[in-house]
């Protein structure tokens, strides 16, 4: 029986969120269906770029977080002196 797999199925496969039986089913379908294989390769490429972009914050983001942290720490110290 041929089963249709959704892009969500392919994304879950990429992240290892399918059980071993489902993984095997999808991988067999990918091997036998060139369109599905192309779609999975495209999803893997996009997910790789998203994952790598999330791991490298910009310098300005780091500065904003550090400044906020410093201000929050000062506010926390000010609050503790009044308690």
C-alpha atoms as a PDB file:
ATOM      1  CA  UNK A   1       0.000   0.000   0.000  1.00  0.00           C
ATOM      2  CA  UNK A   2       1.416   3.362  -1.031  1.00  0.00           C
ATOM      3  CA  UNK A   3       1.209   5.982   1.692  1.00  0.00           C
ATOM      4  CA  UNK A   4       1.391   9.725   1.168  1.00  0.00           C
ATOM      5  CA  UNK A   5       3.755  11.535   3.473  1.00  0.00           C
ATOM      6  CA  UNK A   6       3.326  15.206   4.318  1.00  0.00           C
ATOM      7  CA  UNK A   7       6.079  17.804   4.621  1.00  0.00           C
ATOM      8  CA  UNK A   8       5.477  17.606   8.383  1.00  0.00           C
ATOM      9  CA  UNK A   9       6.341  13.885   8.265  1.00  0.00           C
ATOM     10  CA  UNK A  10       9.571  14.730   6.475  1.00  0.00           C
ATOM     11  CA  UNK A  11      10.456  17.438   8.994  1.00  0.00           C
ATOM     12  CA  UNK A  12       9.797  15.058  11.891  1.00  0.00           C
ATOM     13  CA  UNK A  13      12.000  12.480  10.173  1.00  0.00           C
ATOM     14  CA  UNK A  14      14.767  15.061   9.806  1.00  0.00           C
ATOM     15  CA  UNK A  15      14.703  15.744  13.554  1.00  0.00           C
ATOM     16  CA  UNK A  16      14.415  12.057  14.500  1.00  0.00           C
ATOM     17  CA  UNK A  17      10.917  12.500  15.910  1.00  0.00           C
ATOM     18  CA  UNK A  18       9.433   9.436  14.214  1.00  0.00           C
ATOM     19  CA  UNK A  19       9.534   5.957  15.708  1.00  0.00           C
ATOM     20  CA  UNK A  20      11.755   3.389  13.999  1.00  0.00           C
ATOM     21  CA  UNK A  21       8.887   1.809  12.055  1.00  0.00           C
ATOM     22  CA  UNK A  22       7.733   5.175  10.676  1.00  0.00           C
ATOM     23  CA  UNK A  23      11.331   6.122   9.874  1.00  0.00           C
ATOM     24  CA  UNK A  24      11.779   2.930   7.871  1.00  0.00           C
ATOM     25  CA  UNK A  25       8.500   3.480   6.016  1.00  0.00           C
ATOM     26  CA  UNK A  26       9.391   7.032   5.050  1.00  0.00           C
ATOM     27  CA  UNK A  27      12.958   6.150   4.058  1.00  0.00           C
ATOM     28  CA  UNK A  28      11.711   3.367   1.772  1.00  0.00           C
ATOM     29  CA  UNK A  29       9.192   5.764   0.235  1.00  0.00           C
ATOM     30  CA  UNK A  30      11.951   8.355  -0.294  1.00  0.00           C
ATOM     31  CA  UNK A  31      14.141   5.766  -2.038  1.00  0.00           C
ATOM     32  CA  UNK A  32      11.311   4.777  -4.367  1.00  0.00           C
ATOM     33  CA  UNK A  33       9.811   8.199  -5.128  1.00  0.00           C
ATOM     34  CA  UNK A  34      12.074  10.775  -6.769  1.00  0.00           C
ATOM     35  CA  UNK A  35       9.659  13.648  -6.057  1.00  0.00           C
ATOM     36  CA  UNK A  36       9.470  12.765  -2.365  1.00  0.00           C
ATOM     37  CA  UNK A  37      13.260  12.407  -2.280  1.00  0.00           C
ATOM     38  CA  UNK A  38      13.683  15.853  -3.829  1.00  0.00           C
ATOM     39  CA  UNK A  39      11.231  17.345  -1.329  1.00  0.00           C
ATOM     40  CA  UNK A  40      13.055  15.705   1.599  1.00  0.00           C
ATOM     41  CA  UNK A  41      16.435  16.957   0.344  1.00  0.00           C
ATOM     42  CA  UNK A  42      14.985  20.464   0.035  1.00  0.00           C
ATOM     43  CA  UNK A  43      13.577  20.279   3.578  1.00  0.00           C
ATOM     44  CA  UNK A  44      16.924  19.025   4.915  1.00  0.00           C
ATOM     45  CA  UNK A  45      18.718  21.907   3.189  1.00  0.00           C
ATOM     46  CA  UNK A  46      16.304  24.505   4.582  1.00  0.00           C
ATOM     47  CA  UNK A  47      16.380  22.992   8.080  1.00  0.00           C
ATOM     48  CA  UNK A  48      20.185  22.920   8.016  1.00  0.00           C
ATOM     49  CA  UNK A  49      20.275  26.628   7.200  1.00  0.00           C
ATOM     50  CA  UNK A  50      17.700  27.431   9.880  1.00  0.00           C
ATOM     51  CA  UNK A  51      19.591  25.397  12.473  1.00  0.00           C
ATOM     52  CA  UNK A  52      22.929  26.997  11.656  1.00  0.00           C
ATOM     53  CA  UNK A  53      21.464  30.517  11.647  1.00  0.00           C
ATOM     54  CA  UNK A  54      19.927  29.989  15.080  1.00  0.00           C
ATOM     55  CA  UNK A  55      23.293  28.972  16.539  1.00  0.00           C
ATOM     56  CA  UNK A  56      25.068  32.186  15.560  1.00  0.00           C
ATOM     57  CA  UNK A  57      23.471  35.266  17.142  1.00  0.00           C
ATOM     58  CA  UNK A  58      24.543  38.635  15.815  1.00  0.00           C
ATOM     59  CA  UNK A  59      26.971  40.778  17.776  1.00  0.00           C
ATOM     60  CA  UNK A  60      24.265  43.412  18.327  1.00  0.00           C
ATOM     61  CA  UNK A  61      21.946  40.763  19.840  1.00  0.00           C
ATOM     62  CA  UNK A  62      24.671  39.690  22.251  1.00  0.00           C
ATOM     63  CA  UNK A  63      25.283  43.304  23.284  1.00  0.00           C
ATOM     64  CA  UNK A  64      21.565  43.900  23.877  1.00  0.00           C
ATOM     65  CA  UNK A  65      21.321  40.770  26.036  1.00  0.00           C
ATOM     66  CA  UNK A  66      24.436  41.677  28.040  1.00  0.00           C
ATOM     67  CA  UNK A  67      23.202  45.237  28.608  1.00  0.00           C
ATOM     68  CA  UNK A  68      19.809  43.952  29.713  1.00  0.00           C
ATOM     69  CA  UNK A  69      21.482  41.449  32.020  1.00  0.00           C
ATOM     70  CA  UNK A  70      23.615  44.172  33.622  1.00  0.00           C
ATOM     71  CA  UNK A  71      20.576  46.415  34.153  1.00  0.00           C
ATOM     72  CA  UNK A  72      18.522  43.543  35.547  1.00  0.00           C
ATOM     73  CA  UNK A  73      21.309  42.600  37.925  1.00  0.00           C
ATOM     74  CA  UNK A  74      21.502  46.178  39.186  1.00  0.00           C
ATOM     75  CA  UNK A  75      17.736  46.314  39.617  1.00  0.00           C
ATOM     76  CA  UNK A  76      17.846  43.024  41.515  1.00  0.00           C
ATOM     77  CA  UNK A  77      20.594  44.363  43.806  1.00  0.00           C
ATOM     78  CA  UNK A  78      18.615  47.608  44.384  1.00  0.00           C
ATOM     79  CA  UNK A  79      15.519  45.578  45.214  1.00  0.00           C
ATOM     80  CA  UNK A  80      17.432  43.338  47.663  1.00  0.00           C
ATOM     81  CA  UNK A  81      18.758  46.379  49.566  1.00  0.00           C
ATOM     82  CA  UNK A  82      15.196  47.542  50.243  1.00  0.00           C
ATOM     83  CA  UNK A  83      13.946  44.153  51.416  1.00  0.00           C
END
